[in-house]
Amino acid sequence: MTTLIRTTSFWGFNELVSQLGGQSESLLRQYHIDPRLLGDEEAHVPLRSFIEVLEHAALVLDCPDFGLRMAQYQDVHVLGPIALIVRSAATVGQALEEIVRFIGYHSPGIRLELDSCEPQTSRLRIDIRLPGALQQRQLHELALGVAHNTMKLLCGSSFRAQSVLFSGISPLPAARYRRYFNTSVFNGQDCNALVLHRDQLEQAIELQDPLLYRTMVQYLSAYAARPQDLRSQVEFLILRMLPTQRCRLPLVAEQLGLHERVLQRRLAERGSGFEDLLEAVRRERADCYLAERNMAMSQVAGLLGYSEQSVFNRACRRWFNMAPRARRRQLLERQ
């Protein structure tokens, strides 16, 4: 099965290539990436193609620090809904633990680990899980740059890692890394990592929101890893696409690499249809969201993919024979 990555990881690619005098569309098409996908935050491309196009761009544009430059356009928001968990967590350490836990939602080929290797420090280790020999320096540097930007977002602009570790030997001068990370940088290490002090992990996040945090953790928990059977894959995509209000059969089929008629036929062979699955997922998630006492009804409707509250009201009466507020009271009484 091809390992994918969300196209949000391309943020800044077009702008940087243009600054360097290149043609981004040409570079993308060489690795069979449709340039139009970069405008769709829910799209995916093969991770291998992403790695290869970064390395190729660095080479042909004579820009050995391409990954670091591209990182300047990115922070935790490239991770989509994971960013909501991170921004609403109680502490920086908790936020990082959730990134580690859910990174597979962004790409199952990226492995993170928060390693408390010393009493006073932890390493946020970044690894790429992809079989076969493949030059990955640009992606490693992009990922560490994004991690650094994320920590500045959480800790404040004065954030400074204790050190930065790279597993490879870079042709760039050490001063280039020190200028970006504002700390000691070591090449040829046993991992790629930010070394963080314990006090930084214990720092409280100003925008912490327990309700949003709990809701988004619940949202991702069951679906962070893409399941294998077709029905579960469709349910996974429905859940992921509902908040975008663009959850339609053609888009789901496209994500699976199938024609919509083929997808309908295969679902029918398994005793279900797309609209039936969509309805079932919405009904199940409606109960989860309504059980949150303080979640606004407009927010529930939006998370379920409805652009208008009245449409959600009608759906709720269809499912439960009662209005949303009555259903909430019923669920809270059961609790």
Protein backbone atom coordinates (compact mmCIF):
# COMPACT_ATOMS: atom_id res chain seq x y z
CA MET A 1 0.00 0.00 0.00
CA THR A 2 1.41 3.40 -1.01
CA THR A 3 2.38 5.61 1.93
CA LEU A 4 0.77 9.04 1.56
CA ILE A 5 1.19 12.52 3.01
CA ARG A 6 -1.28 15.40 3.10
CA THR A 7 -0.58 18.14 0.54
CA THR A 8 -0.48 20.80 3.27
CA SER A 9 3.17 19.77 3.59
CA PHE A 10 3.69 21.62 0.29
CA TRP A 11 2.84 24.98 1.83
CA GLY A 12 5.44 27.45 0.58
CA PHE A 13 6.70 25.19 -2.22
CA ASN A 14 5.28 27.24 -5.11
CA GLU A 15 6.41 30.53 -3.59
CA LEU A 16 9.93 29.33 -2.87
CA VAL A 17 10.45 27.74 -6.28
CA SER A 18 9.25 30.96 -7.92
CA GLN A 19 11.67 33.05 -5.83
CA LEU A 20 14.50 30.79 -6.97
CA GLY A 21 13.56 31.22 -10.64
CA GLY A 22 12.02 27.78 -11.16
CA GLN A 23 8.70 26.43 -12.42
CA SER A 24 6.87 24.56 -9.69
CA GLU A 25 4.36 22.89 -12.02
CA SER A 26 7.15 21.39 -14.09
CA LEU A 27 8.93 20.05 -11.01
CA LEU A 28 5.72 18.54 -9.61
CA ARG A 29 4.72 16.85 -12.86
CA GLN A 30 8.13 15.17 -13.13
CA TYR A 31 7.11 13.19 -10.05
CA HIS A 32 3.51 12.63 -11.20
CA ILE A 33 2.01 15.16 -8.75
CA ASP A 34 -0.98 17.09 -10.07
CA PRO A 35 -0.27 20.77 -9.23
CA ARG A 36 -3.99 21.34 -8.61
CA LEU A 37 -3.82 19.07 -5.55
CA LEU A 38 -1.72 21.65 -3.71
CA GLY A 39 -4.81 23.81 -3.41
CA ASP A 40 -6.81 21.05 -1.71
CA GLU A 41 -5.97 20.71 1.97
CA GLU A 42 -7.65 17.30 2.13
CA ALA A 43 -5.65 15.79 -0.75
CA HIS A 44 -2.77 13.34 -0.43
CA VAL A 45 0.26 12.46 -2.56
CA PRO A 46 2.76 9.59 -2.23
CA LEU A 47 5.31 10.35 0.47
CA ARG A 48 8.09 9.07 -1.78
CA SER A 49 7.13 11.58 -4.48
CA PHE A 50 7.12 14.39 -1.91
CA ILE A 51 10.62 13.48 -0.71
CA GLU A 52 11.96 13.14 -4.24
CA VAL A 53 10.58 16.45 -5.48
CA LEU A 54 12.12 18.28 -2.51
CA GLU A 55 15.54 16.75 -3.20
CA HIS A 56 15.26 17.42 -6.93
CA ALA A 57 14.21 21.04 -6.39
CA ALA A 58 17.17 21.61 -4.07
CA LEU A 59 19.49 20.20 -6.73
CA VAL A 60 18.22 21.87 -9.91
CA LEU A 61 17.64 25.23 -8.21
CA ASP A 62 21.08 25.12 -6.55
CA CYS A 63 19.49 25.63 -3.14
CA PRO A 64 21.00 23.19 -0.62
CA ASP A 65 18.90 24.69 2.21
CA PHE A 66 15.61 24.26 0.32
CA GLY A 67 13.96 22.34 3.18
CA LEU A 68 14.87 24.98 5.77
CA ARG A 69 13.65 27.79 3.55
CA MET A 70 10.36 26.00 2.93
CA ALA A 71 9.92 25.48 6.69
CA GLN A 72 9.64 29.26 7.08
CA TYR A 73 6.16 29.00 5.52
CA GLN A 74 4.93 26.29 7.90
CA ASP A 75 4.09 25.48 11.50
CA VAL A 76 1.73 23.07 13.30
CA HIS A 77 -1.21 24.20 11.13
CA VAL A 78 0.01 21.99 8.27
CA LEU A 79 -1.29 19.10 10.42
CA GLY A 80 -4.93 20.16 10.00
CA PRO A 81 -7.21 19.04 12.87
CA ILE A 82 -4.18 17.95 14.91
CA ALA A 83 -3.36 21.65 15.20
CA LEU A 84 -6.65 22.23 17.05
CA ILE A 85 -5.66 19.63 19.64
CA VAL A 86 -2.22 21.19 20.00
CA ARG A 87 -3.48 24.77 20.40
CA SER A 88 -6.13 23.73 22.96
CA ALA A 89 -3.94 21.41 25.09
CA ALA A 90 -3.07 22.31 28.69
CA THR A 91 0.73 22.21 28.38
CA VAL A 92 3.37 22.12 25.69
CA GLY A 93 4.30 18.57 26.70
CA GLN A 94 0.72 17.39 26.33
CA ALA A 95 0.51 19.08 22.93
CA LEU A 96 3.65 17.30 21.72
CA GLU A 97 2.38 13.95 23.00
CA GLU A 98 -0.77 14.39 20.93
CA ILE A 99 1.23 15.26 17.81
CA VAL A 100 3.22 12.05 18.35
CA ARG A 101 0.00 10.09 18.87
CA PHE A 102 -1.84 11.37 15.80
CA ILE A 103 0.93 12.08 13.28
CA GLY A 104 -0.26 9.08 11.26
CA TYR A 105 -3.33 11.12 10.32
CA HIS A 106 -1.00 13.48 8.45
CA SER A 107 1.21 10.70 7.10
CA PRO A 108 1.72 7.13 8.33
CA GLY A 109 5.26 7.36 6.98
CA ILE A 110 6.35 9.90 9.58
CA ARG A 111 7.27 8.61 13.02
CA LEU A 112 7.65 10.90 16.01
CA GLU A 113 8.80 10.09 19.52
CA LEU A 114 9.08 12.22 22.64
CA ASP A 115 12.04 10.54 24.29
CA SER A 116 12.75 11.53 27.92
CA CYS A 117 16.32 10.31 27.70
CA GLU A 118 17.75 12.55 30.43
CA PRO A 119 16.32 13.80 33.75
CA GLN A 120 16.12 17.42 32.56
CA THR A 121 15.66 17.05 28.79
CA SER A 122 13.53 15.30 26.20
CA ARG A 123 14.14 14.67 22.54
CA LEU A 124 11.42 15.19 19.95
CA ARG A 125 12.72 12.61 17.49
CA ILE A 126 11.62 12.62 13.83
CA ASP A 127 11.99 9.61 11.57
CA ILE A 128 10.73 8.79 8.07
CA ARG A 129 9.42 5.24 7.62
CA LEU A 130 9.82 4.43 3.96
CA PRO A 131 11.46 1.26 2.60
CA GLY A 132 14.40 1.48 0.24
CA ALA A 133 17.37 3.82 0.10
CA LEU A 134 16.23 7.39 -0.39
CA GLN A 135 17.90 10.74 0.20
CA GLN A 136 15.78 12.48 2.85
CA ARG A 137 17.85 15.43 4.05
CA GLN A 138 15.48 18.09 2.75
CA LEU A 139 12.47 16.49 4.42
CA HIS A 140 14.33 16.02 7.71
CA GLU A 141 15.35 19.66 7.72
CA LEU A 142 11.85 20.77 6.72
CA ALA A 143 10.34 18.67 9.52
CA LEU A 144 12.75 19.97 12.16
CA GLY A 145 12.16 23.51 10.95
CA VAL A 146 8.40 23.05 11.28
CA ALA A 147 8.86 21.52 14.75
CA HIS A 148 10.94 24.55 15.74
CA ASN A 149 8.26 26.95 14.43
CA THR A 150 5.58 24.98 16.31
CA MET A 151 7.52 25.32 19.56
CA LYS A 152 7.83 29.08 19.00
CA LEU A 153 4.08 29.22 18.50
CA LEU A 154 3.45 27.34 21.75
CA CYS A 155 6.22 28.76 23.93
CA GLY A 156 6.58 32.25 22.52
CA SER A 157 8.93 33.90 20.07
CA SER A 158 11.83 33.65 22.53
CA PHE A 159 11.79 29.84 22.39
CA ARG A 160 15.21 28.28 21.99
CA ALA A 161 15.83 24.53 21.91
CA GLN A 162 18.71 23.23 23.98
CA SER A 163 20.16 21.82 20.76
CA VAL A 164 19.20 20.38 17.36
CA LEU A 165 20.43 16.99 16.15
CA PHE A 166 20.78 15.81 12.54
CA SER A 167 21.54 12.24 11.57
CA GLY A 168 23.19 13.16 8.28
CA ILE A 169 26.23 15.19 7.35
CA SER A 170 25.12 18.41 5.70
CA PRO A 171 27.05 20.36 3.06
CA LEU A 172 25.67 23.56 4.58
CA PRO A 173 27.87 25.61 6.90
CA ALA A 174 27.01 25.28 10.59
CA ALA A 175 26.24 29.00 10.71
CA ARG A 176 23.20 28.46 8.47
CA TYR A 177 21.61 26.12 11.01
CA ARG A 178 22.57 28.30 13.98
CA ARG A 179 20.94 31.26 12.26
CA TYR A 180 17.68 29.37 11.79
CA PHE A 181 17.47 27.51 15.12
CA ASN A 182 19.37 30.01 17.30
CA THR A 183 21.05 27.17 19.20
CA SER A 184 23.80 24.55 18.94
CA VAL A 185 23.36 22.17 16.00
CA PHE A 186 25.09 18.78 15.73
CA ASN A 187 25.43 16.66 12.58
CA GLY A 188 26.06 12.93 12.34
CA GLN A 189 23.90 12.04 15.34
CA ASP A 190 21.88 8.86 15.90
CA CYS A 191 18.60 10.68 15.21
CA ASN A 192 16.97 13.85 13.93
CA ALA A 193 15.63 15.69 16.96
CA LEU A 194 14.94 18.86 18.88
CA VAL A 195 16.39 18.61 22.39
CA LEU A 196 13.99 20.34 24.78
CA HIS A 197 14.31 21.28 28.43
CA ARG A 198 11.76 19.90 30.87
CA ASP A 199 10.64 23.42 31.86
CA GLN A 200 9.60 24.05 28.26
CA LEU A 201 7.37 20.96 28.26
CA GLU A 202 5.72 22.04 31.52
CA GLN A 203 4.84 25.48 30.15
CA ALA A 204 1.09 26.18 30.06
CA ILE A 205 -0.58 27.03 26.75
CA GLU A 206 -2.43 30.35 26.87
CA LEU A 207 -5.24 29.32 24.51
CA GLN A 208 -5.98 26.01 26.23
CA ASP A 209 -9.61 24.94 25.72
CA PRO A 210 -10.52 21.68 27.51
CA LEU A 211 -13.80 21.22 25.61
CA LEU A 212 -12.24 21.66 22.18
CA TYR A 213 -9.26 19.53 23.21
CA ARG A 214 -11.50 16.68 24.41
CA THR A 215 -13.70 16.88 21.32
CA MET A 216 -10.85 16.81 18.82
CA VAL A 217 -9.02 13.98 20.61
CA GLN A 218 -12.23 11.97 20.46
CA TYR A 219 -12.65 12.94 16.81
CA LEU A 220 -9.23 11.61 15.81
CA SER A 221 -8.85 8.70 18.21
CA ALA A 222 -10.85 6.13 16.25
CA TYR A 223 -9.70 7.29 12.83
CA ALA A 224 -6.08 8.38 13.11
CA ALA A 225 -4.87 5.20 11.41
CA ARG A 226 -6.43 4.50 8.04
CA PRO A 227 -8.27 1.14 8.18
CA GLN A 228 -7.91 -1.48 5.49
CA ASP A 229 -11.39 -2.69 4.52
CA LEU A 230 -13.31 -0.57 2.01
CA ARG A 231 -16.29 0.25 4.20
CA SER A 232 -14.04 1.42 7.02
CA GLN A 233 -11.95 3.47 4.60
CA VAL A 234 -15.09 5.21 3.36
CA GLU A 235 -16.25 5.86 6.93
CA PHE A 236 -12.79 7.23 7.75
CA LEU A 237 -12.91 9.63 4.81
CA ILE A 238 -16.47 10.69 5.59
CA LEU A 239 -15.51 11.57 9.14
CA ARG A 240 -12.43 13.45 8.04
CA MET A 241 -14.25 15.41 5.32
CA LEU A 242 -17.47 16.25 7.16
CA PRO A 243 -16.17 19.46 8.80
CA THR A 244 -15.06 20.74 5.38
CA GLN A 245 -18.70 20.58 4.17
CA ARG A 246 -17.38 18.95 1.01
CA CYS A 247 -18.11 15.32 1.82
CA ARG A 248 -19.42 14.04 -1.52
CA LEU A 249 -19.24 10.67 -3.24
CA PRO A 250 -17.01 11.89 -6.14
CA LEU A 251 -14.44 13.36 -3.71
CA VAL A 252 -14.38 10.24 -1.52
CA ALA A 253 -13.99 8.04 -4.60
CA GLU A 254 -11.14 10.24 -5.84
CA GLN A 255 -9.32 9.90 -2.51
CA LEU A 256 -9.57 6.12 -2.85
CA GLY A 257 -8.44 6.15 -6.48
CA LEU A 258 -11.77 4.73 -7.70
CA HIS A 259 -14.47 5.84 -10.11
CA GLU A 260 -17.59 6.76 -8.17
CA ARG A 261 -19.66 4.05 -9.91
CA VAL A 262 -17.03 1.46 -9.00
CA LEU A 263 -17.10 2.61 -5.38
CA GLN A 264 -20.91 2.44 -5.28
CA ARG A 265 -20.86 -1.07 -6.75
CA ARG A 266 -18.26 -2.35 -4.27
CA LEU A 267 -20.16 -0.88 -1.34
CA ALA A 268 -23.39 -2.45 -2.61
CA GLU A 269 -21.64 -5.82 -2.75
CA ARG A 270 -20.92 -5.35 0.96
CA GLY A 271 -24.53 -4.47 1.73
CA SER A 272 -24.27 -0.72 2.07
CA GLY A 273 -24.27 2.51 0.07
CA PHE A 274 -22.45 5.80 0.36
CA GLU A 275 -25.47 7.78 1.51
CA ASP A 276 -26.28 5.13 4.12
CA LEU A 277 -22.74 5.33 5.52
CA LEU A 278 -22.81 9.12 5.48
CA GLU A 279 -26.07 9.14 7.41
CA ALA A 280 -24.81 6.57 9.94
CA VAL A 281 -21.56 8.44 10.60
CA ARG A 282 -23.40 11.73 11.05
CA ARG A 283 -25.90 10.19 13.46
CA GLU A 284 -23.18 8.55 15.56
CA ARG A 285 -21.08 11.71 15.72
CA ALA A 286 -24.13 13.84 16.49
CA ASP A 287 -24.62 11.95 19.76
CA CYS A 288 -20.94 12.38 20.64
CA TYR A 289 -21.06 16.14 20.08
CA LEU A 290 -24.48 16.67 21.69
CA ALA A 291 -23.24 14.89 24.80
CA GLU A 292 -20.82 17.80 25.27
CA ARG A 293 -22.90 20.15 27.40
CA ASN A 294 -21.20 23.40 26.39
CA MET A 295 -20.70 22.83 22.67
CA ALA A 296 -22.71 25.32 20.63
CA MET A 297 -25.34 23.85 18.32
CA SER A 298 -23.86 25.79 15.43
CA GLN A 299 -20.51 24.11 16.09
CA VAL A 300 -22.16 20.67 16.18
CA ALA A 301 -23.87 21.39 12.86
CA GLY A 302 -20.57 22.51 11.31
CA LEU A 303 -18.65 19.47 12.50
CA LEU A 304 -21.33 17.27 10.94
CA GLY A 305 -20.94 19.04 7.60
CA TYR A 306 -24.12 21.11 7.61
CA SER A 307 -23.90 24.71 6.41
CA GLU A 308 -27.17 25.65 8.10
CA GLN A 309 -28.52 24.92 11.56
CA SER A 310 -32.00 24.21 10.15
CA VAL A 311 -30.68 21.29 8.08
CA PHE A 312 -29.14 19.72 11.18
CA ASN A 313 -32.39 20.27 13.09
CA ARG A 314 -34.32 18.32 10.45
CA ALA A 315 -31.74 15.52 10.43
CA CYS A 316 -31.91 15.27 14.22
CA ARG A 317 -35.69 14.88 14.11
CA ARG A 318 -35.27 12.18 11.46
CA TRP A 319 -32.75 10.24 13.55
CA PHE A 320 -34.15 10.65 17.04
CA ASN A 321 -37.67 12.00 16.56
CA MET A 322 -36.74 15.09 18.57
CA ALA A 323 -34.92 18.42 18.25
CA PRO A 324 -31.18 18.67 18.99
CA ARG A 325 -31.65 20.38 22.38
CA ALA A 326 -34.10 17.70 23.48
CA ARG A 327 -31.66 15.01 22.38
CA ARG A 328 -28.90 16.74 24.37
CA ARG A 329 -31.07 16.77 27.49
CA GLN A 330 -31.81 13.08 27.00
CA LEU A 331 -28.12 12.20 26.61
CA LEU A 332 -27.09 14.26 29.64
CA GLU A 333 -29.79 12.65 31.77
CA ARG A 334 -28.43 9.22 30.80
CA GLN A 335 -24.96 10.31 31.82
